[in-house]
Amino acid sequence: MLSSQLAAWLAEVLTSVPPDHSIVAFNIGLFQAESGYCAYLSGASEFDANSNEWAVSPPYFPRAHYFSLPFGQSEDWQAVLAQIQNALVISLATPQLAGSAIARAHAVTTGFDDG
């Protein structure tokens, strides 16, 4: 199930590269690679619901911690986004992420890098 895979990946990233206490918002960035869709985690020390600028050049960006999503190149990006949004909501409620920095965050967003 996608939500359990997402929760396991987030827990692994947050454990292996813990964010400092200044990180209050997280973004699950999505992009399409040659092999299919992928995700990465980033975090910022501020959040502005009216602007995406808070997610640009984030201070928390665990490099080399990408998640290959189980969607092929031909999958519609809007369908991928909807499934990730749903899986993210479920993931954040799991015991695996309870008490984690992402569970305590002021905001958790997701979206494609290209808008």
Protein backbone atom coordinates (compact mmCIF):
# COMPACT_ATOMS: atom_id res chain seq x y z
CA MET A 1 0.00 0.00 0.00
CA LEU A 2 1.34 3.41 -1.00
CA SER A 3 0.65 5.05 2.37
CA SER A 4 2.70 2.47 4.28
CA GLN A 5 5.57 2.77 1.77
CA LEU A 6 5.45 6.56 2.06
CA ALA A 7 5.39 6.43 5.87
CA ALA A 8 8.36 4.04 5.93
CA TRP A 9 10.35 6.28 3.56
CA LEU A 10 9.57 9.44 5.55
CA ALA A 11 10.49 7.74 8.83
CA GLU A 12 13.78 6.53 7.35
CA VAL A 13 14.71 9.96 6.00
CA LEU A 14 13.76 11.78 9.20
CA THR A 15 15.75 9.29 11.28
CA SER A 16 18.87 9.19 9.10
CA VAL A 17 18.94 12.96 8.46
CA PRO A 18 17.03 14.57 11.34
CA PRO A 19 15.88 18.16 10.78
CA ASP A 20 16.81 20.71 13.39
CA HIS A 21 14.11 22.27 15.56
CA SER A 22 13.84 25.37 13.37
CA ILE A 23 12.11 23.38 10.60
CA VAL A 24 8.37 24.04 10.87
CA ALA A 25 7.08 23.10 7.41
CA PHE A 26 7.78 20.21 5.06
CA ASN A 27 7.23 19.66 1.37
CA ILE A 28 7.09 16.36 -0.47
CA GLY A 29 8.39 17.45 -3.85
CA LEU A 30 7.37 15.39 -6.86
CA PHE A 31 9.04 15.13 -10.24
CA GLN A 32 9.14 12.87 -13.26
CA ALA A 33 12.44 11.10 -13.93
CA GLU A 34 13.40 8.78 -16.76
CA SER A 35 12.43 5.77 -14.65
CA GLY A 36 9.07 7.20 -13.54
CA TYR A 37 7.79 9.48 -10.82
CA CYS A 38 9.93 10.27 -7.75
CA ALA A 39 9.59 12.20 -4.50
CA TYR A 40 11.93 14.00 -2.14
CA LEU A 41 11.54 15.64 1.26
CA SER A 42 12.48 19.20 2.11
CA GLY A 43 11.78 21.46 5.05
CA ALA A 44 11.73 25.17 5.82
CA SER A 45 11.95 27.32 8.90
CA GLU A 46 8.97 29.41 7.82
CA PHE A 47 5.67 28.81 6.06
CA ASP A 48 3.44 31.15 4.09
CA ALA A 49 0.19 29.63 2.85
CA ASN A 50 -0.18 32.46 0.33
CA SER A 51 3.17 31.90 -1.36
CA ASN A 52 5.31 29.00 -2.57
CA GLU A 53 8.50 30.95 -1.88
CA TRP A 54 8.90 29.34 1.53
CA ALA A 55 9.73 26.04 -0.22
CA VAL A 56 12.41 27.54 -2.49
CA SER A 57 15.99 26.83 -1.36
CA PRO A 58 14.93 25.09 1.85
CA PRO A 59 17.42 24.74 4.70
CA TYR A 60 16.47 21.06 5.15
CA PHE A 61 17.10 19.00 2.03
CA PRO A 62 18.35 15.44 2.61
CA ARG A 63 20.19 14.73 -0.63
CA ALA A 64 20.17 11.22 -2.07
CA HIS A 65 17.01 10.28 -0.16
CA TYR A 66 14.60 9.93 -3.05
CA PHE A 67 11.51 7.75 -3.15
CA SER A 68 10.67 6.04 -6.44
CA LEU A 69 6.91 6.14 -6.70
CA PRO A 70 5.02 3.10 -8.00
CA PHE A 71 3.69 4.92 -11.07
CA GLY A 72 4.84 4.54 -14.64
CA GLN A 73 5.74 7.33 -17.05
CA SER A 74 2.35 7.06 -18.73
CA GLU A 75 0.40 7.70 -15.52
CA ASP A 76 -1.39 11.07 -15.56
CA TRP A 77 0.41 13.55 -13.25
CA GLN A 78 -2.90 14.72 -11.75
CA ALA A 79 -3.77 11.15 -10.79
CA VAL A 80 -0.31 10.71 -9.27
CA LEU A 81 -0.69 13.93 -7.26
CA ALA A 82 -4.13 12.92 -5.97
CA GLN A 83 -2.84 9.51 -4.87
CA ILE A 84 0.18 11.04 -3.13
CA GLN A 85 -2.01 13.58 -1.33
CA ASN A 86 -4.29 10.80 -0.07
CA ALA A 87 -1.37 8.57 0.93
CA LEU A 88 0.30 11.48 2.73
CA VAL A 89 -2.75 12.17 4.88
CA ILE A 90 -2.90 8.50 5.86
CA SER A 91 0.87 8.30 6.43
CA LEU A 92 0.94 11.25 8.80
CA ALA A 93 -1.60 9.48 11.03
CA THR A 94 0.44 6.29 11.38
CA PRO A 95 2.19 5.29 14.61
CA GLN A 96 5.41 5.14 12.58
CA LEU A 97 5.37 8.94 12.18
CA ALA A 98 3.69 9.82 15.47
CA GLY A 99 5.81 12.32 17.35
CA SER A 100 8.11 12.89 14.38
CA ALA A 101 9.11 16.34 13.15
CA ILE A 102 6.79 16.02 10.17
CA ALA A 103 3.84 15.08 12.40
CA ARG A 104 4.48 18.19 14.56
CA ALA A 105 4.97 20.54 11.59
CA HIS A 106 2.84 23.63 11.04
CA ALA A 107 2.35 22.58 7.42
CA VAL A 108 3.04 19.60 5.16
CA THR A 109 2.56 20.12 1.45
CA THR A 110 3.10 18.18 -1.75
CA GLY A 111 3.26 19.08 -5.39
CA PHE A 112 5.22 18.87 -8.59
CA ASP A 113 8.38 20.90 -8.98
CA ASP A 114 7.19 22.39 -12.24
CA GLY A 115 4.03 23.79 -10.70
